[in-house]
């Protein structure tokens, strides 16, 4: 047999294998790496941040703690950029508290 024929068959096989491997690589989804997030907590930093972390760790129980409510109000005030005095938490009456029956006097009278 002719050596040119073997060279052409080999080159054709090489091209066919290269095209097949390329097609297979294009079918696969690229691997997405998730960046590692590192949280750094400064233990000697702002006591306000420590209070917020403690309140967050308490979960639903923190709704009844006045210090947590005040801390959240201060956080909202800082986030919204409100100038002036620190805001105080809104105190709501519990369901068992007695509600006055009569009309309330208007302010300023």
Protein backbone atom coordinates (compact mmCIF):
# COMPACT_ATOMS: atom_id res chain seq x y z
CA UNK A 1 0.00 0.00 0.00
CA UNK A 2 0.97 3.56 -0.49
CA UNK A 3 2.36 5.51 2.48
CA UNK A 4 0.44 8.62 1.39
CA UNK A 5 -2.80 6.71 1.88
CA UNK A 6 -1.85 5.83 5.49
CA UNK A 7 -0.86 9.44 6.15
CA UNK A 8 -4.22 10.69 4.84
CA UNK A 9 -6.16 8.14 6.90
CA UNK A 10 -4.16 9.09 10.01
CA UNK A 11 -4.72 12.81 9.43
CA UNK A 12 -8.45 12.24 8.86
CA UNK A 13 -8.70 10.18 12.05
CA UNK A 14 -6.85 12.87 13.99
CA UNK A 15 -9.21 15.58 12.72
CA UNK A 16 -12.27 13.41 13.48
CA UNK A 17 -11.08 12.76 17.03
CA UNK A 18 -10.28 16.45 17.55
CA UNK A 19 -13.74 17.50 16.33
CA UNK A 20 -15.45 14.88 18.51
CA UNK A 21 -13.56 15.98 21.62
CA UNK A 22 -14.38 19.64 20.90
CA UNK A 23 -18.08 18.84 20.49
CA UNK A 24 -18.09 16.93 23.78
CA UNK A 25 -16.40 19.81 25.62
CA UNK A 26 -18.94 22.32 24.28
CA UNK A 27 -21.86 20.19 25.50
CA UNK A 28 -20.71 20.22 29.13
CA UNK A 29 -21.74 23.05 31.45
CA UNK A 30 -18.85 25.13 32.75
CA UNK A 31 -17.94 24.50 36.36
CA UNK A 32 -18.89 27.49 38.46
CA UNK A 33 -16.87 28.12 41.53
CA UNK A 34 -18.58 29.77 44.46
CA UNK A 35 -16.38 32.39 46.09
CA UNK A 36 -15.67 31.73 49.73
CA UNK A 37 -17.17 34.38 51.98
CA UNK A 38 -15.29 35.11 55.16
CA UNK A 39 -16.98 36.95 57.99
CA UNK A 40 -14.72 38.83 60.34
CA UNK A 41 -16.20 39.73 63.70
CA UNK A 42 -14.30 42.26 65.77
CA UNK A 43 -14.80 41.17 69.37
CA UNK A 44 -13.62 44.47 70.82
CA UNK A 45 -15.50 46.69 68.39
CA UNK A 46 -18.81 48.45 68.57
CA UNK A 47 -21.00 47.23 71.48
CA UNK A 48 -24.01 48.15 69.36
CA UNK A 49 -23.06 45.51 66.80
CA UNK A 50 -22.62 42.95 69.58
CA UNK A 51 -26.10 43.79 70.87
CA UNK A 52 -27.59 43.31 67.40
CA UNK A 53 -25.85 39.93 67.07
CA UNK A 54 -27.15 38.84 70.47
CA UNK A 55 -30.67 39.92 69.58
CA UNK A 56 -30.48 38.10 66.26
CA UNK A 57 -29.34 34.94 68.04
CA UNK A 58 -32.33 35.11 70.40
CA UNK A 59 -34.77 34.73 67.53
CA UNK A 60 -38.43 35.45 68.22
CA UNK A 61 -37.81 35.91 71.94
CA UNK A 62 -36.01 39.17 71.13
CA UNK A 63 -39.35 40.78 70.21
CA UNK A 64 -40.20 40.97 73.92
CA UNK A 65 -36.84 42.43 75.02
CA UNK A 66 -36.90 46.25 75.16
CA UNK A 67 -33.12 46.52 74.64
CA UNK A 68 -33.39 44.62 71.36
CA UNK A 69 -36.26 46.78 70.17
CA UNK A 70 -34.25 49.90 71.00
CA UNK A 71 -31.20 48.50 69.20
CA UNK A 72 -33.26 47.76 66.08
CA UNK A 73 -34.78 51.24 66.17
CA UNK A 74 -31.27 52.72 66.38
CA UNK A 75 -30.15 50.49 63.49
CA UNK A 76 -33.06 51.74 61.37
CA UNK A 77 -32.25 55.34 62.32
CA UNK A 78 -28.61 54.89 61.29
CA UNK A 79 -29.51 53.05 58.08
CA UNK A 80 -32.05 55.62 56.98
CA UNK A 81 -29.75 58.48 57.92
CA UNK A 82 -32.22 60.27 60.17
CA UNK A 83 -30.58 63.16 62.01
CA UNK A 84 -31.32 64.02 65.62
CA UNK A 85 -32.04 62.11 68.80
CA UNK A 86 -31.89 58.36 68.96
CA UNK A 87 -35.30 56.91 68.37
CA UNK A 88 -37.06 55.03 71.12
CA UNK A 89 -38.82 51.75 70.43
CA UNK A 90 -42.56 51.79 69.96
CA UNK A 91 -44.25 50.20 72.97
CA UNK A 92 -47.46 48.39 72.13
CA UNK A 93 -50.07 47.28 74.59
CA UNK A 94 -50.41 43.57 75.09
CA UNK A 95 -53.66 41.80 74.24
CA UNK A 96 -54.50 41.41 77.95
CA UNK A 97 -54.10 45.13 78.78
CA UNK A 98 -57.25 47.10 79.49
CA UNK A 99 -58.14 49.66 76.85
CA UNK A 100 -59.83 52.83 78.18
CA UNK A 101 -63.50 52.94 77.24
CA UNK A 102 -64.01 56.68 76.92
CA UNK A 103 -62.88 59.09 74.21
CA UNK A 104 -59.33 60.31 74.46
CA UNK A 105 -58.71 64.08 74.85
CA UNK A 106 -57.08 65.75 71.88
CA UNK A 107 -53.52 66.95 72.28
CA UNK A 108 -53.15 70.58 73.20
CA UNK A 109 -56.43 70.82 75.12
